[in-house]
Amino acid sequence: ECAVERYIYTSPSSTRYPGTNRLDWRI
């Protein structure tokens, strides 16, 4: 779960803006 946060924050695939990612999280 922490690695996912790092991916969201640094990946070029991410917009890297608060609140716009990790939407509708599910397993």
PDB file of all heavy atoms in Angstrom:
ATOM      1  N   GLU A   1       0.819  -1.204   0.000  1.00  0.00           N
ATOM      2  CA  GLU A   1       0.000   0.000   0.000  1.00  0.00           C
ATOM      3  C   GLU A   1       0.858   1.261   0.000  1.00  0.00           C
ATOM      4  O   GLU A   1       0.525   2.255  -0.658  1.00  0.00           O
ATOM      5  CB  GLU A   1      -0.958  -0.015   1.195  1.00  0.00           C
ATOM      6  CG  GLU A   1      -2.037  -1.080   1.072  1.00  0.00           C
ATOM      7  CD  GLU A   1      -2.995  -1.109   2.250  1.00  0.00           C
ATOM      8  OE1 GLU A   1      -2.891  -0.219   3.124  1.00  0.00           O
ATOM      9  OE2 GLU A   1      -3.860  -2.014   2.309  1.00  0.00           O
ATOM     10  N   CYS A   2       1.973   1.220   0.718  1.00  0.00           N
ATOM     11  CA  CYS A   2       2.899   2.353   0.710  1.00  0.00           C
ATOM     12  C   CYS A   2       3.577   2.497  -0.652  1.00  0.00           C
ATOM     13  O   CYS A   2       3.801   3.609  -1.141  1.00  0.00           O
ATOM     14  CB  CYS A   2       3.952   2.185   1.802  1.00  0.00           C
ATOM     15  SG  CYS A   2       3.330   2.398   3.483  1.00  0.00           S
ATOM     16  N   ALA A   3       3.906   1.369  -1.280  1.00  0.00           N
ATOM     17  CA  ALA A   3       4.525   1.385  -2.603  1.00  0.00           C
ATOM     18  C   ALA A   3       3.583   1.993  -3.636  1.00  0.00           C
ATOM     19  O   ALA A   3       4.014   2.703  -4.554  1.00  0.00           O
ATOM     20  CB  ALA A   3       4.929  -0.026  -3.022  1.00  0.00           C
ATOM     21  N   VAL A   4       2.296   1.726  -3.491  1.00  0.00           N
ATOM     22  CA  VAL A   4       1.304   2.317  -4.394  1.00  0.00           C
ATOM     23  C   VAL A   4       1.315   3.837  -4.248  1.00  0.00           C
ATOM     24  O   VAL A   4       1.241   4.569  -5.244  1.00  0.00           O
ATOM     25  CB  VAL A   4      -0.101   1.751  -4.104  1.00  0.00           C
ATOM     26  CG1 VAL A   4      -1.175   2.577  -4.817  1.00  0.00           C
ATOM     27  CG2 VAL A   4      -0.184   0.298  -4.554  1.00  0.00           C
ATOM     28  N   GLU A   5       1.422   4.331  -3.023  1.00  0.00           N
ATOM     29  CA  GLU A   5       1.487   5.772  -2.807  1.00  0.00           C
ATOM     30  C   GLU A   5       2.724   6.367  -3.487  1.00  0.00           C
ATOM     31  O   GLU A   5       2.650   7.435  -4.109  1.00  0.00           O
ATOM     32  CB  GLU A   5       1.506   6.086  -1.314  1.00  0.00           C
ATOM     33  CG  GLU A   5       0.195   5.781  -0.618  1.00  0.00           C
ATOM     34  CD  GLU A   5       0.216   6.148   0.857  1.00  0.00           C
ATOM     35  OE1 GLU A   5       1.237   6.728   1.318  1.00  0.00           O
ATOM     36  OE2 GLU A   5      -0.775   5.862   1.555  1.00  0.00           O
ATOM     37  N   ARG A   6       3.851   5.678  -3.379  1.00  0.00           N
ATOM     38  CA  ARG A   6       5.074   6.156  -4.041  1.00  0.00           C
ATOM     39  C   ARG A   6       4.878   6.172  -5.563  1.00  0.00           C
ATOM     40  O   ARG A   6       5.296   7.120  -6.239  1.00  0.00           O
ATOM     41  CB  ARG A   6       6.258   5.260  -3.665  1.00  0.00           C
ATOM     42  CG  ARG A   6       7.559   5.553  -4.414  1.00  0.00           C
ATOM     43  CD  ARG A   6       8.108   6.951  -4.145  1.00  0.00           C
ATOM     44  NE  ARG A   6       8.397   7.181  -2.746  1.00  0.00           N
ATOM     45  CZ  ARG A   6       9.551   6.858  -2.153  1.00  0.00           C
ATOM     46  NH1 ARG A   6      10.524   6.287  -2.856  1.00  0.00           N
ATOM     47  NH2 ARG A   6       9.737   7.107  -0.866  1.00  0.00           N
ATOM     48  N   TYR A   7       4.232   5.134  -6.074  1.00  0.00           N
ATOM     49  CA  TYR A   7       3.976   5.064  -7.517  1.00  0.00           C
ATOM     50  C   TYR A   7       3.109   6.248  -7.954  1.00  0.00           C
ATOM     51  O   TYR A   7       3.399   6.913  -8.959  1.00  0.00           O
ATOM     52  CB  TYR A   7       3.283   3.751  -7.852  1.00  0.00           C
ATOM     53  CG  TYR A   7       3.102   3.517  -9.335  1.00  0.00           C
ATOM     54  CD1 TYR A   7       4.109   2.934 -10.092  1.00  0.00           C
ATOM     55  CD2 TYR A   7       1.916   3.887  -9.979  1.00  0.00           C
ATOM     56  CE1 TYR A   7       3.951   2.731 -11.462  1.00  0.00           C
ATOM     57  CE2 TYR A   7       1.761   3.696 -11.339  1.00  0.00           C
ATOM     58  CZ  TYR A   7       2.772   3.112 -12.077  1.00  0.00           C
ATOM     59  OH  TYR A   7       2.614   2.925 -13.423  1.00  0.00           O
ATOM     60  N   ILE A   8       2.059   6.519  -7.200  1.00  0.00           N
ATOM     61  CA  ILE A   8       1.159   7.626  -7.533  1.00  0.00           C
ATOM     62  C   ILE A   8       1.905   8.956  -7.498  1.00  0.00           C
ATOM     63  O   ILE A   8       1.708   9.816  -8.367  1.00  0.00           O
ATOM     64  CB  ILE A   8      -0.029   7.664  -6.551  1.00  0.00           C
ATOM     65  CG1 ILE A   8      -0.932   6.444  -6.769  1.00  0.00           C
ATOM     66  CG2 ILE A   8      -0.825   8.951  -6.692  1.00  0.00           C
ATOM     67  CD1 ILE A   8      -2.020   6.290  -5.722  1.00  0.00           C
ATOM     68  N   TYR A   9       2.776   9.116  -6.512  1.00  0.00           N
ATOM     69  CA  TYR A   9       3.442  10.406  -6.297  1.00  0.00           C
ATOM     70  C   TYR A   9       4.568  10.669  -7.294  1.00  0.00           C
ATOM     71  O   TYR A   9       4.869  11.828  -7.589  1.00  0.00           O
ATOM     72  CB  TYR A   9       3.994  10.452  -4.865  1.00  0.00           C
ATOM     73  CG  TYR A   9       4.508  11.812  -4.445  1.00  0.00           C
ATOM     74  CD1 TYR A   9       3.636  12.877  -4.260  1.00  0.00           C
ATOM     75  CD2 TYR A   9       5.869  12.023  -4.229  1.00  0.00           C
ATOM     76  CE1 TYR A   9       4.107  14.124  -3.877  1.00  0.00           C
ATOM     77  CE2 TYR A   9       6.340  13.268  -3.841  1.00  0.00           C
ATOM     78  CZ  TYR A   9       5.459  14.316  -3.666  1.00  0.00           C
ATOM     79  OH  TYR A   9       5.931  15.544  -3.292  1.00  0.00           O
ATOM     80  N   THR A  10       5.172   9.623  -7.828  1.00  0.00           N
ATOM     81  CA  THR A  10       6.370   9.830  -8.661  1.00  0.00           C
ATOM     82  C   THR A  10       6.273   9.309 -10.087  1.00  0.00           C
ATOM     83  O   THR A  10       7.083   9.687 -10.929  1.00  0.00           O
ATOM     84  CB  THR A  10       7.597   9.162  -8.008  1.00  0.00           C
ATOM     85  OG1 THR A  10       7.381   7.744  -7.936  1.00  0.00           O
ATOM     86  CG2 THR A  10       7.847   9.708  -6.613  1.00  0.00           C
ATOM     87  N   SER A  11       5.320   8.445 -10.368  1.00  0.00           N
ATOM     88  CA  SER A  11       5.270   7.821 -11.687  1.00  0.00           C
ATOM     89  C   SER A  11       4.839   8.803 -12.776  1.00  0.00           C
ATOM     90  O   SER A  11       3.927   9.614 -12.567  1.00  0.00           O
ATOM     91  CB  SER A  11       4.300   6.637 -11.679  1.00  0.00           C
ATOM     92  OG  SER A  11       4.065   6.173 -12.997  1.00  0.00           O
ATOM     93  N   PRO A  12       5.449   8.735 -13.964  1.00  0.00           N
ATOM     94  CA  PRO A  12       5.016   9.576 -15.086  1.00  0.00           C
ATOM     95  C   PRO A  12       3.617   9.210 -15.572  1.00  0.00           C
ATOM     96  O   PRO A  12       3.000   9.967 -16.315  1.00  0.00           O
ATOM     97  CB  PRO A  12       6.075   9.311 -16.163  1.00  0.00           C
ATOM     98  CG  PRO A  12       6.633   7.967 -15.821  1.00  0.00           C
ATOM     99  CD  PRO A  12       6.617   7.906 -14.330  1.00  0.00           C
ATOM    100  N   SER A  13       3.115   8.051 -15.155  1.00  0.00           N
ATOM    101  CA  SER A  13       1.761   7.644 -15.527  1.00  0.00           C
ATOM    102  C   SER A  13       0.704   8.367 -14.696  1.00  0.00           C
ATOM    103  O   SER A  13      -0.483   8.319 -15.005  1.00  0.00           O
ATOM    104  CB  SER A  13       1.590   6.134 -15.335  1.00  0.00           C
ATOM    105  OG  SER A  13       2.452   5.411 -16.181  1.00  0.00           O
ATOM    106  N   SER A  14       1.140   9.037 -13.626  1.00  0.00           N
ATOM    107  CA  SER A  14       0.220   9.673 -12.695  1.00  0.00           C
ATOM    108  C   SER A  14       0.169  11.185 -12.908  1.00  0.00           C
ATOM    109  O   SER A  14       1.157  11.808 -13.296  1.00  0.00           O
ATOM    110  CB  SER A  14       0.651   9.370 -11.257  1.00  0.00           C
ATOM    111  OG  SER A  14      -0.128  10.095 -10.331  1.00  0.00           O
ATOM    112  N   THR A  15      -0.996  11.782 -12.636  1.00  0.00           N
ATOM    113  CA  THR A  15      -1.110  13.241 -12.707  1.00  0.00           C
ATOM    114  C   THR A  15      -0.398  13.898 -11.534  1.00  0.00           C
ATOM    115  O   THR A  15      -0.078  15.078 -11.586  1.00  0.00           O
ATOM    116  CB  THR A  15      -2.589  13.669 -12.678  1.00  0.00           C
ATOM    117  OG1 THR A  15      -3.226  13.090 -11.533  1.00  0.00           O
ATOM    118  CG2 THR A  15      -3.307  13.222 -13.935  1.00  0.00           C
ATOM    119  N   ARG A  16      -0.168  13.130 -10.471  1.00  0.00           N
ATOM    120  CA  ARG A  16       0.572  13.596  -9.301  1.00  0.00           C
ATOM    121  C   ARG A  16      -0.080  14.817  -8.636  1.00  0.00           C
ATOM    122  O   ARG A  16       0.604  15.746  -8.214  1.00  0.00           O
ATOM    123  CB  ARG A  16       2.037  13.869  -9.669  1.00  0.00           C
ATOM    124  CG  ARG A  16       2.763  12.639 -10.169  1.00  0.00           C
ATOM    125  CD  ARG A  16       4.241  12.891 -10.374  1.00  0.00           C
ATOM    126  NE  ARG A  16       4.515  13.814 -11.449  1.00  0.00           N
ATOM    127  CZ  ARG A  16       4.476  13.494 -12.736  1.00  0.00           C
ATOM    128  NH1 ARG A  16       4.173  12.275 -13.101  1.00  0.00           N
ATOM    129  NH2 ARG A  16       4.748  14.402 -13.653  1.00  0.00           N
ATOM    130  N   TYR A  17      -1.418  14.786  -8.574  1.00  0.00           N
ATOM    131  CA  TYR A  17      -2.159  15.831  -7.879  1.00  0.00           C
ATOM    132  C   TYR A  17      -2.983  15.202  -6.761  1.00  0.00           C
ATOM    133  O   TYR A  17      -3.576  14.132  -6.948  1.00  0.00           O
ATOM    134  CB  TYR A  17      -3.088  16.592  -8.837  1.00  0.00           C
ATOM    135  CG  TYR A  17      -2.433  17.802  -9.460  1.00  0.00           C
ATOM    136  CD1 TYR A  17      -1.680  17.688 -10.613  1.00  0.00           C
ATOM    137  CD2 TYR A  17      -2.559  19.065  -8.877  1.00  0.00           C
ATOM    138  CE1 TYR A  17      -1.061  18.792 -11.183  1.00  0.00           C
ATOM    139  CE2 TYR A  17      -1.944  20.181  -9.431  1.00  0.00           C
ATOM    140  CZ  TYR A  17      -1.207  20.038 -10.582  1.00  0.00           C
ATOM    141  OH  TYR A  17      -0.598  21.138 -11.131  1.00  0.00           O
ATOM    142  N   PRO A  18      -3.042  15.849  -5.596  1.00  0.00           N
ATOM    143  CA  PRO A  18      -3.790  15.289  -4.468  1.00  0.00           C
ATOM    144  C   PRO A  18      -5.261  15.071  -4.820  1.00  0.00           C
ATOM    145  O   PRO A  18      -5.883  15.895  -5.491  1.00  0.00           O
ATOM    146  CB  PRO A  18      -3.649  16.368  -3.388  1.00  0.00           C
ATOM    147  CG  PRO A  18      -2.477  17.190  -3.794  1.00  0.00           C
ATOM    148  CD  PRO A  18      -2.437  17.156  -5.278  1.00  0.00           C
ATOM    149  N   GLY A  19      -5.804  13.952  -4.355  1.00  0.00           N
ATOM    150  CA  GLY A  19      -7.228  13.697  -4.490  1.00  0.00           C
ATOM    151  C   GLY A  19      -7.703  13.209  -5.846  1.00  0.00           C
ATOM    152  O   GLY A  19      -8.882  12.901  -6.012  1.00  0.00           O
ATOM    153  N   THR A  20      -6.789  13.109  -6.828  1.00  0.00           N
ATOM    154  CA  THR A  20      -7.209  12.687  -8.167  1.00  0.00           C
ATOM    155  C   THR A  20      -6.853  11.234  -8.446  1.00  0.00           C
ATOM    156  O   THR A  20      -7.187  10.715  -9.519  1.00  0.00           O
ATOM    157  CB  THR A  20      -6.545  13.556  -9.250  1.00  0.00           C
ATOM    158  OG1 THR A  20      -5.114  13.373  -9.202  1.00  0.00           O
ATOM    159  CG2 THR A  20      -6.866  15.026  -9.047  1.00  0.00           C
ATOM    160  N   ASN A  21      -6.189  10.587  -7.504  1.00  0.00           N
ATOM    161  CA  ASN A  21      -5.711   9.221  -7.723  1.00  0.00           C
ATOM    162  C   ASN A  21      -6.087   8.332  -6.534  1.00  0.00           C
ATOM    163  O   ASN A  21      -6.502   8.820  -5.499  1.00  0.00           O
ATOM    164  CB  ASN A  21      -4.196   9.222  -7.918  1.00  0.00           C
ATOM    165  CG  ASN A  21      -3.736   8.121  -8.850  1.00  0.00           C
ATOM    166  OD1 ASN A  21      -4.232   7.002  -8.794  1.00  0.00           O
ATOM    167  ND2 ASN A  21      -2.766   8.430  -9.712  1.00  0.00           N
ATOM    168  N   ARG A  22      -5.926   7.030  -6.734  1.00  0.00           N
ATOM    169  CA  ARG A  22      -6.356   5.995  -5.789  1.00  0.00           C
ATOM    170  C   ARG A  22      -7.870   6.094  -5.557  1.00  0.00           C
ATOM    171  O   ARG A  22      -8.369   5.946  -4.439  1.00  0.00           O
ATOM    172  CB  ARG A  22      -5.597   6.084  -4.464  1.00  0.00           C
ATOM    173  CG  ARG A  22      -5.595   4.733  -3.692  1.00  0.00           C
ATOM    174  CD  ARG A  22      -4.709   4.772  -2.477  1.00  0.00           C
ATOM    175  NE  ARG A  22      -5.239   5.670  -1.446  1.00  0.00           N
ATOM    176  CZ  ARG A  22      -4.632   5.928  -0.298  1.00  0.00           C
ATOM    177  NH1 ARG A  22      -3.472   5.363  -0.021  1.00  0.00           N
ATOM    178  NH2 ARG A  22      -5.165   6.754   0.577  1.00  0.00           N
ATOM    179  N   LEU A  23      -8.585   6.326  -6.645  1.00  0.00           N
ATOM    180  CA  LEU A  23     -10.045   6.389  -6.587  1.00  0.00           C
ATOM    181  C   LEU A  23     -10.625   4.980  -6.675  1.00  0.00           C
ATOM    182  O   LEU A  23     -10.106   4.132  -7.395  1.00  0.00           O
ATOM    183  CB  LEU A  23     -10.575   7.246  -7.738  1.00  0.00           C
ATOM    184  CG  LEU A  23      -9.978   8.652  -7.896  1.00  0.00           C
ATOM    185  CD1 LEU A  23     -10.573   9.341  -9.114  1.00  0.00           C
ATOM    186  CD2 LEU A  23     -10.199   9.481  -6.641  1.00  0.00           C
ATOM    187  N   ASP A  24     -11.703   4.748  -5.947  1.00  0.00           N
ATOM    188  CA  ASP A  24     -12.418   3.463  -6.004  1.00  0.00           C
ATOM    189  C   ASP A  24     -11.489   2.273  -5.735  1.00  0.00           C
ATOM    190  O   ASP A  24     -11.545   1.257  -6.432  1.00  0.00           O
ATOM    191  CB  ASP A  24     -13.098   3.293  -7.365  1.00  0.00           C
ATOM    192  CG  ASP A  24     -14.041   4.443  -7.691  1.00  0.00           C
ATOM    193  OD1 ASP A  24     -14.806   4.834  -6.795  1.00  0.00           O
ATOM    194  OD2 ASP A  24     -14.003   4.945  -8.825  1.00  0.00           O
ATOM    195  N   TRP A  25     -10.646   2.417  -4.727  1.00  0.00           N
ATOM    196  CA  TRP A  25      -9.708   1.350  -4.360  1.00  0.00           C
ATOM    197  C   TRP A  25     -10.456   0.064  -4.033  1.00  0.00           C
ATOM    198  O   TRP A  25     -11.463   0.061  -3.337  1.00  0.00           O
ATOM    199  CB  TRP A  25      -8.899   1.797  -3.147  1.00  0.00           C
ATOM    200  CG  TRP A  25      -8.086   0.725  -2.483  1.00  0.00           C
ATOM    201  CD1 TRP A  25      -8.518  -0.183  -1.564  1.00  0.00           C
ATOM    202  CD2 TRP A  25      -6.690   0.458  -2.680  1.00  0.00           C
ATOM    203  NE1 TRP A  25      -7.485  -0.995  -1.166  1.00  0.00           N
ATOM    204  CE2 TRP A  25      -6.340  -0.628  -1.827  1.00  0.00           C
ATOM    205  CE3 TRP A  25      -5.692   1.034  -3.469  1.00  0.00           C
ATOM    206  CZ2 TRP A  25      -5.052  -1.144  -1.759  1.00  0.00           C
ATOM    207  CZ3 TRP A  25      -4.413   0.523  -3.407  1.00  0.00           C
ATOM    208  CH2 TRP A  25      -4.094  -0.559  -2.555  1.00  0.00           C
ATOM    209  N   ARG A  26      -9.944  -1.050  -4.543  1.00  0.00           N
ATOM    210  CA  ARG A  26     -10.537  -2.345  -4.220  1.00  0.00           C
ATOM    211  C   ARG A  26      -9.507  -3.447  -4.405  1.00  0.00           C
ATOM    212  O   ARG A  26      -8.464  -3.252  -5.042  1.00  0.00           O
ATOM    213  CB  ARG A  26     -11.759  -2.628  -5.092  1.00  0.00           C
ATOM    214  CG  ARG A  26     -11.443  -2.889  -6.563  1.00  0.00           C
ATOM    215  CD  ARG A  26     -12.705  -2.979  -7.396  1.00  0.00           C
ATOM    216  NE  ARG A  26     -12.427  -3.304  -8.789  1.00  0.00           N
ATOM    217  CZ  ARG A  26     -12.592  -4.508  -9.324  1.00  0.00           C
ATOM    218  NH1 ARG A  26     -13.037  -5.515  -8.577  1.00  0.00           N
ATOM    219  NH2 ARG A  26     -12.325  -4.726 -10.598  1.00  0.00           N
ATOM    220  N   ILE A  27      -9.813  -4.584  -3.843  1.00  0.00           N
ATOM    221  CA  ILE A  27      -8.985  -5.776  -3.997  1.00  0.00           C
ATOM    222  C   ILE A  27      -9.720  -6.724  -4.934  1.00  0.00           C
ATOM    223  O   ILE A  27     -10.911  -6.953  -4.779  1.00  0.00           O
ATOM    224  CB  ILE A  27      -8.747  -6.470  -2.639  1.00  0.00           C
ATOM    225  CG1 ILE A  27      -8.244  -5.446  -1.604  1.00  0.00           C
ATOM    226  CG2 ILE A  27      -7.764  -7.616  -2.796  1.00  0.00           C
ATOM    227  CD1 ILE A  27      -6.998  -4.712  -2.019  1.00  0.00           C
TER     228      ILE A  27
END
